[in-house]
Amino acid sequence: MNNQLTIIGRVGQDPRAVSFADTGNKVVKFSLGVTEYSSKKEEEKTLWIDVDCWNGLGDRVMQTVTKGREVLLTGRLAINTFTKEVDGKTIEVQKPIMKLTSFHLCGPKPRKADKASDSDESTSKKGNRKSA
C-alpha cells in the first residue's frame, strides 16, 4: 500500500525548528488548518493537522512558509505515540501527524509575511524546483 497524503490549507503559526545535538538532525514543525466549507458560515469547521519536516526540507520551509500562507502539502500520514498524565493516571496517546515530503506555495503571500517568496515555488526532498 502507498501511504500518501496531499492537502491544501493555511499555516496556523510560523514554523519552529527543533535541533537534536546528539544526531545533528533538525525537525521543523507547524500546523495546517483545513476548513470544511458550508453554505452556513456557522457550520464551517477547521481541521488542524500537525506537520513535521526534516533537515533540508525543514530549512526550506523555515525560509518560505509563514503564518497565514496557503500551501499545498504532500507527505505521509504517521502516528506519534506518547504518554500523558490525566487525573493521576498515565495514559498512552496516539496523535496523527503529516511527515512532509514536498510543498508548494499557493496564491499571494500574506501581507505581513516578509520571509515568503513572491512567486509560487515547489520544493521536495529530491531538490529545489521552481514552477513556471
N, C-alpha and C. Protein backbone atom coordinates (compact mmCIF):
# COMPACT_ATOMS: atom_id res chain seq x y z
N MET A 1 0.83 -1.19 0.00
CA MET A 1 0.00 0.00 0.00
C MET A 1 0.87 1.25 0.00
N ASN A 2 0.34 2.28 -0.60
CA ASN A 2 1.05 3.55 -0.65
C ASN A 2 0.41 4.52 0.34
N ASN A 3 1.20 5.04 1.25
CA ASN A 3 0.73 6.00 2.25
C ASN A 3 1.11 7.39 1.78
N GLN A 4 0.22 8.06 1.06
CA GLN A 4 0.50 9.41 0.58
C GLN A 4 -0.71 10.30 0.84
N LEU A 5 -0.42 11.50 1.32
CA LEU A 5 -1.45 12.46 1.67
C LEU A 5 -1.13 13.77 0.96
N THR A 6 -2.10 14.35 0.28
CA THR A 6 -1.95 15.67 -0.35
C THR A 6 -3.08 16.53 0.16
N ILE A 7 -2.73 17.72 0.65
CA ILE A 7 -3.74 18.56 1.29
C ILE A 7 -3.40 20.04 1.09
N ILE A 8 -4.43 20.87 0.97
CA ILE A 8 -4.26 22.32 0.83
C ILE A 8 -4.90 22.98 2.04
N GLY A 9 -4.20 23.94 2.62
CA GLY A 9 -4.73 24.67 3.76
C GLY A 9 -3.88 25.88 4.07
N ARG A 10 -4.14 26.49 5.22
CA ARG A 10 -3.39 27.67 5.66
C ARG A 10 -2.56 27.34 6.89
N VAL A 11 -1.35 27.87 6.90
CA VAL A 11 -0.41 27.64 8.00
C VAL A 11 -0.91 28.37 9.24
N GLY A 12 -0.98 27.66 10.37
CA GLY A 12 -1.55 28.21 11.60
C GLY A 12 -0.60 29.08 12.41
N GLN A 13 0.69 28.81 12.33
CA GLN A 13 1.68 29.63 13.03
C GLN A 13 3.00 29.49 12.29
N ASP A 14 3.91 30.46 12.51
CA ASP A 14 5.22 30.37 11.87
C ASP A 14 5.88 29.05 12.27
N PRO A 15 6.52 28.37 11.31
CA PRO A 15 7.20 27.12 11.64
C PRO A 15 8.27 27.33 12.70
N ARG A 16 8.51 26.30 13.52
CA ARG A 16 9.54 26.35 14.56
C ARG A 16 10.46 25.15 14.39
N ALA A 17 11.75 25.37 14.60
CA ALA A 17 12.74 24.32 14.40
C ALA A 17 13.20 23.76 15.74
N VAL A 18 13.43 22.45 15.77
CA VAL A 18 13.98 21.76 16.93
C VAL A 18 15.19 20.97 16.44
N SER A 19 16.37 21.22 17.03
CA SER A 19 17.59 20.51 16.64
C SER A 19 17.93 19.45 17.68
N PHE A 20 18.50 18.37 17.21
CA PHE A 20 18.93 17.27 18.07
C PHE A 20 20.45 17.22 18.04
N ALA A 21 21.09 17.65 19.14
CA ALA A 21 22.55 17.74 19.20
C ALA A 21 23.21 16.38 19.03
N ASP A 22 22.59 15.33 19.55
CA ASP A 22 23.22 14.01 19.50
C ASP A 22 23.29 13.44 18.08
N THR A 23 22.34 13.78 17.21
CA THR A 23 22.34 13.24 15.85
C THR A 23 22.64 14.28 14.78
N GLY A 24 22.50 15.56 15.13
CA GLY A 24 22.68 16.62 14.14
C GLY A 24 21.46 16.84 13.27
N ASN A 25 20.39 16.09 13.50
CA ASN A 25 19.17 16.25 12.72
C ASN A 25 18.35 17.43 13.24
N LYS A 26 17.48 17.94 12.36
CA LYS A 26 16.60 19.03 12.74
C LYS A 26 15.21 18.73 12.19
N VAL A 27 14.20 19.00 13.01
CA VAL A 27 12.81 18.87 12.57
C VAL A 27 12.15 20.24 12.67
N VAL A 28 11.38 20.59 11.67
CA VAL A 28 10.61 21.83 11.66
C VAL A 28 9.15 21.43 11.78
N LYS A 29 8.43 22.12 12.67
CA LYS A 29 7.04 21.78 12.96
C LYS A 29 6.14 22.99 12.73
N PHE A 30 4.95 22.72 12.21
CA PHE A 30 3.91 23.74 12.11
C PHE A 30 2.57 23.03 11.99
N SER A 31 1.49 23.79 12.08
CA SER A 31 0.16 23.20 11.91
C SER A 31 -0.50 23.79 10.68
N LEU A 32 -1.36 23.00 10.07
CA LEU A 32 -2.07 23.41 8.88
C LEU A 32 -3.56 23.35 9.16
N GLY A 33 -4.27 24.44 8.89
CA GLY A 33 -5.72 24.48 9.06
C GLY A 33 -6.42 24.24 7.74
N VAL A 34 -7.33 23.28 7.73
CA VAL A 34 -8.10 22.95 6.54
C VAL A 34 -9.57 23.14 6.89
N THR A 35 -10.21 24.09 6.23
CA THR A 35 -11.60 24.42 6.56
C THR A 35 -12.57 23.65 5.67
N GLU A 36 -13.54 23.02 6.30
CA GLU A 36 -14.62 22.34 5.60
C GLU A 36 -15.72 23.38 5.43
N TYR A 37 -15.86 23.88 4.21
CA TYR A 37 -16.80 24.96 3.96
C TYR A 37 -18.24 24.46 3.91
N SER A 38 -19.16 25.34 4.29
CA SER A 38 -20.58 25.04 4.30
C SER A 38 -21.34 26.26 3.81
N SER A 39 -22.54 26.05 3.32
CA SER A 39 -23.35 27.19 2.89
C SER A 39 -23.75 28.05 4.09
N LYS A 40 -23.69 27.47 5.28
CA LYS A 40 -23.97 28.22 6.51
C LYS A 40 -22.64 28.45 7.23
N LYS A 41 -22.22 29.70 7.28
CA LYS A 41 -20.92 30.06 7.85
C LYS A 41 -20.70 29.47 9.24
N GLU A 42 -21.74 29.46 10.07
CA GLU A 42 -21.60 28.96 11.45
C GLU A 42 -21.35 27.45 11.50
N GLU A 43 -21.59 26.74 10.39
CA GLU A 43 -21.36 25.30 10.35
C GLU A 43 -19.98 24.93 9.82
N GLU A 44 -19.19 25.93 9.38
CA GLU A 44 -17.85 25.64 8.88
C GLU A 44 -16.97 25.16 10.03
N LYS A 45 -16.15 24.17 9.73
CA LYS A 45 -15.24 23.61 10.73
C LYS A 45 -13.83 23.59 10.18
N THR A 46 -12.86 23.86 11.04
CA THR A 46 -11.46 23.80 10.64
C THR A 46 -10.80 22.61 11.32
N LEU A 47 -10.17 21.78 10.51
CA LEU A 47 -9.39 20.64 10.99
C LEU A 47 -7.93 21.07 11.04
N TRP A 48 -7.27 20.86 12.18
CA TRP A 48 -5.86 21.24 12.33
C TRP A 48 -4.99 20.00 12.25
N ILE A 49 -3.99 20.06 11.40
CA ILE A 49 -3.08 18.93 11.18
C ILE A 49 -1.67 19.37 11.55
N ASP A 50 -1.00 18.59 12.42
CA ASP A 50 0.39 18.85 12.77
C ASP A 50 1.28 18.31 11.66
N VAL A 51 2.29 19.10 11.28
CA VAL A 51 3.19 18.74 10.18
C VAL A 51 4.63 18.76 10.68
N ASP A 52 5.39 17.71 10.35
CA ASP A 52 6.82 17.63 10.64
C ASP A 52 7.58 17.56 9.32
N CYS A 53 8.69 18.29 9.22
CA CYS A 53 9.57 18.17 8.06
C CYS A 53 11.01 18.20 8.56
N TRP A 54 11.84 17.36 7.96
CA TRP A 54 13.18 17.11 8.49
C TRP A 54 14.28 17.72 7.64
N ASN A 55 15.35 18.12 8.30
CA ASN A 55 16.63 18.53 7.73
C ASN A 55 16.49 19.56 6.61
N GLY A 56 16.96 19.27 5.39
CA GLY A 56 16.98 20.25 4.30
C GLY A 56 15.61 20.76 3.91
N LEU A 57 14.63 19.88 3.89
CA LEU A 57 13.27 20.32 3.58
C LEU A 57 12.76 21.26 4.67
N GLY A 58 13.11 20.96 5.90
CA GLY A 58 12.75 21.84 7.01
C GLY A 58 13.39 23.21 6.88
N ASP A 59 14.65 23.25 6.42
CA ASP A 59 15.33 24.53 6.19
C ASP A 59 14.57 25.36 5.17
N ARG A 60 14.12 24.71 4.09
CA ARG A 60 13.38 25.41 3.04
C ARG A 60 12.03 25.92 3.56
N VAL A 61 11.38 25.13 4.38
CA VAL A 61 10.11 25.56 5.00
C VAL A 61 10.36 26.80 5.86
N MET A 62 11.42 26.79 6.64
CA MET A 62 11.73 27.94 7.51
C MET A 62 11.96 29.21 6.69
N GLN A 63 12.50 29.08 5.49
CA GLN A 63 12.79 30.24 4.64
C GLN A 63 11.56 30.79 3.93
N THR A 64 10.58 29.95 3.66
CA THR A 64 9.49 30.37 2.76
C THR A 64 8.09 30.33 3.34
N VAL A 65 7.86 29.54 4.36
CA VAL A 65 6.50 29.34 4.87
C VAL A 65 6.27 30.22 6.10
N THR A 66 5.16 30.95 6.11
CA THR A 66 4.82 31.82 7.23
C THR A 66 3.35 31.64 7.61
N LYS A 67 3.02 32.08 8.80
CA LYS A 67 1.65 32.01 9.30
C LYS A 67 0.69 32.66 8.29
N GLY A 68 -0.41 31.98 8.03
CA GLY A 68 -1.44 32.50 7.13
C GLY A 68 -1.24 32.13 5.68
N ARG A 69 -0.07 31.63 5.32
CA ARG A 69 0.22 31.28 3.92
C ARG A 69 -0.57 30.06 3.49
N GLU A 70 -1.16 30.12 2.31
CA GLU A 70 -1.84 28.95 1.76
C GLU A 70 -0.80 28.06 1.09
N VAL A 71 -0.81 26.77 1.44
CA VAL A 71 0.17 25.83 0.90
C VAL A 71 -0.51 24.53 0.50
N LEU A 72 0.10 23.87 -0.47
CA LEU A 72 -0.28 22.51 -0.83
C LEU A 72 0.83 21.62 -0.30
N LEU A 73 0.49 20.66 0.53
CA LEU A 73 1.47 19.78 1.14
C LEU A 73 1.28 18.35 0.64
N THR A 74 2.40 17.66 0.45
CA THR A 74 2.39 16.24 0.14
C THR A 74 3.28 15.55 1.15
N GLY A 75 2.81 14.45 1.68
CA GLY A 75 3.60 13.72 2.67
C GLY A 75 2.94 12.40 2.98
N ARG A 76 3.34 11.85 4.12
CA ARG A 76 2.73 10.59 4.53
C ARG A 76 2.16 10.75 5.93
N LEU A 77 1.13 10.00 6.20
CA LEU A 77 0.48 10.02 7.50
C LEU A 77 1.25 9.12 8.45
N ALA A 78 1.52 9.62 9.65
CA ALA A 78 2.22 8.84 10.67
C ALA A 78 1.50 9.05 12.00
N ILE A 79 1.82 8.20 12.96
CA ILE A 79 1.24 8.29 14.29
C ILE A 79 2.35 8.53 15.30
N ASN A 80 2.25 9.62 16.05
CA ASN A 80 3.16 9.85 17.18
C ASN A 80 2.48 9.29 18.43
N THR A 81 3.21 8.48 19.17
CA THR A 81 2.69 7.88 20.40
C THR A 81 3.49 8.41 21.58
N PHE A 82 2.78 8.85 22.62
CA PHE A 82 3.44 9.35 23.82
C PHE A 82 2.55 9.07 25.02
N THR A 83 3.12 9.20 26.22
CA THR A 83 2.33 9.01 27.44
C THR A 83 2.04 10.36 28.07
N LYS A 84 0.93 10.41 28.80
CA LYS A 84 0.46 11.65 29.39
C LYS A 84 -0.25 11.34 30.70
N GLU A 85 -0.10 12.23 31.69
CA GLU A 85 -0.80 12.09 32.97
C GLU A 85 -2.17 12.74 32.87
N VAL A 86 -3.21 11.98 33.18
CA VAL A 86 -4.58 12.50 33.20
C VAL A 86 -5.24 12.01 34.47
N ASP A 87 -5.62 12.94 35.35
CA ASP A 87 -6.27 12.60 36.62
C ASP A 87 -5.47 11.57 37.41
N GLY A 88 -4.15 11.74 37.43
CA GLY A 88 -3.29 10.85 38.20
C GLY A 88 -2.99 9.52 37.54
N LYS A 89 -3.50 9.30 36.34
CA LYS A 89 -3.24 8.06 35.62
C LYS A 89 -2.39 8.35 34.39
N THR A 90 -1.49 7.44 34.08
CA THR A 90 -0.68 7.56 32.88
C THR A 90 -1.41 6.86 31.74
N ILE A 91 -1.66 7.61 30.67
CA ILE A 91 -2.33 7.03 29.51
C ILE A 91 -1.44 7.17 28.28
N GLU A 92 -1.65 6.29 27.32
CA GLU A 92 -0.93 6.37 26.06
C GLU A 92 -1.79 7.13 25.06
N VAL A 93 -1.20 8.11 24.40
CA VAL A 93 -1.91 8.93 23.44
C VAL A 93 -1.31 8.69 22.06
N GLN A 94 -2.15 8.52 21.07
CA GLN A 94 -1.70 8.41 19.69
C GLN A 94 -2.24 9.60 18.93
N LYS A 95 -1.33 10.33 18.28
CA LYS A 95 -1.72 11.55 17.57
C LYS A 95 -1.26 11.45 16.11
N PRO A 96 -2.19 11.60 15.16
CA PRO A 96 -1.78 11.57 13.75
C PRO A 96 -1.02 12.84 13.37
N ILE A 97 0.01 12.69 12.57
CA ILE A 97 0.77 13.83 12.04
C ILE A 97 1.05 13.58 10.57
N MET A 98 1.42 14.64 9.87
CA MET A 98 1.85 14.51 8.48
C MET A 98 3.35 14.70 8.43
N LYS A 99 4.06 13.74 7.84
CA LYS A 99 5.51 13.88 7.62
C LYS A 99 5.68 14.38 6.19
N LEU A 100 6.12 15.63 6.08
CA LEU A 100 6.16 16.33 4.80
C LEU A 100 7.23 15.76 3.87
N THR A 101 6.88 15.59 2.58
CA THR A 101 7.87 15.21 1.57
C THR A 101 8.04 16.29 0.51
N SER A 102 7.02 17.14 0.32
CA SER A 102 7.16 18.28 -0.60
C SER A 102 6.06 19.29 -0.30
N PHE A 103 6.27 20.51 -0.78
CA PHE A 103 5.26 21.54 -0.59
C PHE A 103 5.27 22.52 -1.75
N HIS A 104 4.16 23.22 -1.91
CA HIS A 104 4.00 24.22 -2.96
C HIS A 104 3.29 25.41 -2.35
N LEU A 105 3.84 26.60 -2.54
CA LEU A 105 3.20 27.81 -2.04
C LEU A 105 2.09 28.20 -3.00
N CYS A 106 0.91 28.50 -2.49
CA CYS A 106 -0.25 28.82 -3.31
C CYS A 106 -0.64 30.28 -3.09
N GLY A 107 -1.14 30.89 -4.14
CA GLY A 107 -1.67 32.24 -4.02
C GLY A 107 -0.67 33.27 -3.55
N PRO A 108 -1.14 34.49 -3.31
CA PRO A 108 -0.24 35.55 -2.86
C PRO A 108 0.19 35.33 -1.42
N LYS A 109 1.37 35.86 -1.09
CA LYS A 109 1.84 35.73 0.29
C LYS A 109 1.00 36.64 1.18
N PRO A 110 0.85 36.28 2.45
CA PRO A 110 0.13 37.15 3.38
C PRO A 110 0.83 38.50 3.48
N ARG A 111 0.09 39.53 3.74
CA ARG A 111 0.65 40.89 3.75
C ARG A 111 1.81 41.08 4.71
N LYS A 112 1.75 40.45 5.88
CA LYS A 112 2.80 40.64 6.88
C LYS A 112 3.95 39.65 6.71
N ALA A 113 3.86 38.73 5.76
CA ALA A 113 4.88 37.69 5.60
C ALA A 113 6.03 38.22 4.76
N ASP A 114 7.10 38.62 5.41
CA ASP A 114 8.23 39.13 4.67
C ASP A 114 9.24 38.05 4.32
N LYS A 115 9.12 36.85 4.92
CA LYS A 115 10.05 35.77 4.63
C LYS A 115 9.63 34.98 3.39
N ALA A 116 8.36 35.00 3.05
CA ALA A 116 7.86 34.17 1.96
C ALA A 116 8.22 34.78 0.61
N SER A 117 8.35 33.93 -0.38
CA SER A 117 8.70 34.35 -1.73
C SER A 117 7.48 34.94 -2.42
N ASP A 118 7.71 35.89 -3.35
CA ASP A 118 6.62 36.49 -4.10
C ASP A 118 6.06 35.55 -5.16
N SER A 119 6.86 34.63 -5.65
CA SER A 119 6.39 33.72 -6.69
C SER A 119 6.01 32.38 -6.09
N ASP A 120 5.20 31.63 -6.82
CA ASP A 120 4.87 30.28 -6.38
C ASP A 120 6.11 29.43 -6.50
N GLU A 121 6.36 28.59 -5.51
CA GLU A 121 7.53 27.72 -5.52
C GLU A 121 7.11 26.32 -5.15
N SER A 122 7.84 25.36 -5.67
CA SER A 122 7.61 23.97 -5.32
C SER A 122 8.93 23.39 -4.84
N THR A 123 8.90 22.67 -3.73
CA THR A 123 10.12 22.13 -3.15
C THR A 123 9.85 20.70 -2.71
N SER A 124 10.82 19.83 -2.93
CA SER A 124 10.70 18.46 -2.48
C SER A 124 12.03 17.98 -1.95
N LYS A 125 12.03 16.78 -1.36
CA LYS A 125 13.26 16.20 -0.84
C LYS A 125 14.29 15.98 -1.94
N LYS A 126 13.84 15.77 -3.16
CA LYS A 126 14.74 15.45 -4.25
C LYS A 126 15.51 16.66 -4.75
N GLY A 127 15.12 17.85 -4.34
CA GLY A 127 15.82 19.06 -4.78
C GLY A 127 14.85 20.21 -4.86
N ASN A 128 15.40 21.37 -5.05
CA ASN A 128 14.58 22.56 -5.14
C ASN A 128 14.19 22.78 -6.59
N ARG A 129 12.90 23.02 -6.80
CA ARG A 129 12.40 23.29 -8.13
C ARG A 129 11.49 24.50 -8.05
N LYS A 130 11.59 25.37 -9.01
CA LYS A 130 10.65 26.49 -9.09
C LYS A 130 9.69 26.20 -10.22
N SER A 131 8.42 26.41 -9.96
CA SER A 131 7.43 26.18 -11.00
C SER A 131 7.30 27.41 -11.87
N ALA A 132 6.89 27.21 -13.10
CA ALA A 132 6.76 28.32 -14.05
C ALA A 132 5.45 29.02 -13.89
